[in-house]
């Protein structure tokens, strides 16, 4: 194993990492054919609320080392999903700001359009979700 992004190798708030993970479901950074802005978005791929609840149930079961089932932990799962939604929005803001900074640093492979990417991320933040 070789770590390449050391800034992402520290402990983070769980819901922040999961929110960003959910956001990445909708992103395709290798569009074919490769044309500007060099990313595609498919918001239909964002997990439904039911899929999120299943994910959280499995995640918490592993994390807490005990079964966390929808039938007996609905409130816990709901609060966790709500927190993920909040951090999902913050992830969009973070990547939008990062893109603005990155855009001024020069061209990249195939001239990725950081400004368009930032606008997309800010739109998701202000819309309140990824879908």
Protein backbone atom coordinates (compact mmCIF):
# COMPACT_ATOMS: atom_id res chain seq x y z
CA UNK A 1 0.00 0.00 0.00
CA UNK A 2 1.18 3.50 -0.83
CA UNK A 3 -0.57 6.54 0.64
CA UNK A 4 -0.71 9.37 -1.85
CA UNK A 5 -3.07 11.85 -0.18
CA UNK A 6 -1.77 12.24 3.36
CA UNK A 7 -4.23 15.03 4.10
CA UNK A 8 -7.00 12.42 3.89
CA UNK A 9 -5.33 9.79 6.06
CA UNK A 10 -6.42 11.10 9.46
CA UNK A 11 -9.46 10.36 11.59
CA UNK A 12 -12.54 12.28 10.54
CA UNK A 13 -16.13 12.61 11.68
CA UNK A 14 -17.88 9.43 10.51
CA UNK A 15 -20.85 11.20 8.96
CA UNK A 16 -18.50 13.48 7.05
CA UNK A 17 -16.72 10.58 5.41
CA UNK A 18 -19.98 8.76 4.68
CA UNK A 19 -21.63 11.92 3.29
CA UNK A 20 -18.70 12.45 0.93
CA UNK A 21 -18.82 8.73 0.00
CA UNK A 22 -22.53 9.04 -0.87
CA UNK A 23 -21.82 12.15 -2.98
CA UNK A 24 -19.22 10.31 -5.01
CA UNK A 25 -21.82 7.77 -6.18
CA UNK A 26 -23.13 10.39 -8.62
CA UNK A 27 -19.74 11.42 -10.04
CA UNK A 28 -17.91 10.01 -13.06
CA UNK A 29 -14.43 11.48 -13.43
CA UNK A 30 -13.54 9.37 -16.47
CA UNK A 31 -16.23 10.18 -19.04
CA UNK A 32 -16.03 8.39 -22.37
CA UNK A 33 -15.22 10.00 -24.65
CA UNK A 34 -13.18 12.44 -22.57
CA UNK A 35 -14.70 15.84 -23.29
CA UNK A 36 -15.00 19.06 -21.31
CA UNK A 37 -15.75 19.58 -18.48
CA UNK A 38 -14.14 16.13 -17.94
CA UNK A 39 -16.68 14.88 -15.43
CA UNK A 40 -20.25 13.63 -15.64
CA UNK A 41 -22.98 13.62 -13.04
CA UNK A 42 -25.81 11.11 -12.68
CA UNK A 43 -27.93 12.20 -9.72
CA UNK A 44 -30.07 9.07 -10.11
CA UNK A 45 -27.18 7.10 -8.62
CA UNK A 46 -27.41 8.89 -5.25
CA UNK A 47 -28.62 6.40 -2.66
CA UNK A 48 -32.31 6.52 -1.83
CA UNK A 49 -33.29 7.11 1.78
CA UNK A 50 -34.08 3.39 2.12
CA UNK A 51 -30.64 2.45 0.78
CA UNK A 52 -29.03 4.94 3.15
CA UNK A 53 -30.89 3.45 6.10
CA UNK A 54 -29.73 -0.06 5.16
CA UNK A 55 -26.15 1.20 4.79
CA UNK A 56 -26.31 2.90 8.20
CA UNK A 57 -27.82 -0.19 9.83
CA UNK A 58 -24.97 -2.36 8.55
CA UNK A 59 -22.34 0.28 9.31
CA UNK A 60 -23.52 0.83 12.88
CA UNK A 61 -23.85 -2.91 13.47
CA UNK A 62 -20.18 -3.32 12.56
CA UNK A 63 -19.04 -0.20 14.40
CA UNK A 64 -20.95 -0.93 17.61
CA UNK A 65 -20.34 -4.69 17.38
CA UNK A 66 -24.00 -5.45 17.93
CA UNK A 67 -26.99 -5.72 15.61
CA UNK A 68 -28.56 -2.37 14.77
CA UNK A 69 -31.79 -3.22 12.98
CA UNK A 70 -34.34 -0.83 11.54
CA UNK A 71 -37.11 -2.42 13.60
CA UNK A 72 -35.53 -1.64 16.98
CA UNK A 73 -33.21 1.28 16.19
CA UNK A 74 -35.23 3.50 13.87
CA UNK A 75 -34.49 6.70 15.81
CA UNK A 76 -30.74 6.02 15.98
CA UNK A 77 -30.60 5.24 12.26
CA UNK A 78 -32.71 8.29 11.42
CA UNK A 79 -30.45 10.64 13.39
CA UNK A 80 -27.36 9.16 11.75
CA UNK A 81 -28.88 9.55 8.26
CA UNK A 82 -29.80 13.17 9.07
CA UNK A 83 -26.21 13.84 10.13
CA UNK A 84 -24.91 12.25 6.94
CA UNK A 85 -27.20 14.55 4.93
CA UNK A 86 -25.77 17.61 6.69
CA UNK A 87 -22.18 16.50 6.11
CA UNK A 88 -22.99 15.56 2.53
CA UNK A 89 -23.90 19.20 1.94
CA UNK A 90 -20.73 20.38 3.68
CA UNK A 91 -18.72 18.04 1.46
CA UNK A 92 -20.14 19.83 -1.58
CA UNK A 93 -19.10 23.19 -0.13
CA UNK A 94 -15.61 21.88 0.65
CA UNK A 95 -15.06 20.52 -2.86
CA UNK A 96 -16.51 23.69 -4.39
CA UNK A 97 -14.06 25.86 -2.46
CA UNK A 98 -11.20 23.46 -3.23
CA UNK A 99 -12.06 23.69 -6.93
CA UNK A 100 -11.95 27.49 -6.93
CA UNK A 101 -8.49 27.38 -5.35
CA UNK A 102 -7.35 24.59 -7.67
CA UNK A 103 -8.56 26.41 -10.81
CA UNK A 104 -6.04 29.20 -10.27
CA UNK A 105 -3.13 26.76 -10.08
CA UNK A 106 -3.01 25.95 -13.79
CA UNK A 107 -4.21 23.30 -16.19
CA UNK A 108 -4.43 19.61 -15.41
CA UNK A 109 -4.91 16.45 -17.40
CA UNK A 110 -7.31 17.24 -20.25
CA UNK A 111 -7.88 20.69 -18.65
CA UNK A 112 -10.45 19.58 -16.07
CA UNK A 113 -12.98 22.40 -15.69
CA UNK A 114 -12.63 23.28 -12.01
CA UNK A 115 -14.92 26.31 -12.27
CA UNK A 116 -17.80 24.28 -13.71
CA UNK A 117 -17.12 21.61 -11.10
CA UNK A 118 -17.18 24.22 -8.33
CA UNK A 119 -20.49 25.61 -9.62
CA UNK A 120 -21.99 22.11 -9.63
CA UNK A 121 -20.81 21.50 -6.05
CA UNK A 122 -22.11 24.87 -4.84
CA UNK A 123 -25.47 24.20 -6.53
CA UNK A 124 -25.72 20.89 -4.66
CA UNK A 125 -24.87 22.61 -1.39
CA UNK A 126 -27.52 25.31 -1.83
CA UNK A 127 -30.13 22.85 -3.17
CA UNK A 128 -29.78 20.93 0.08
CA UNK A 129 -28.93 17.54 -1.36
CA UNK A 130 -27.26 15.64 -4.17
CA UNK A 131 -30.40 14.46 -5.86
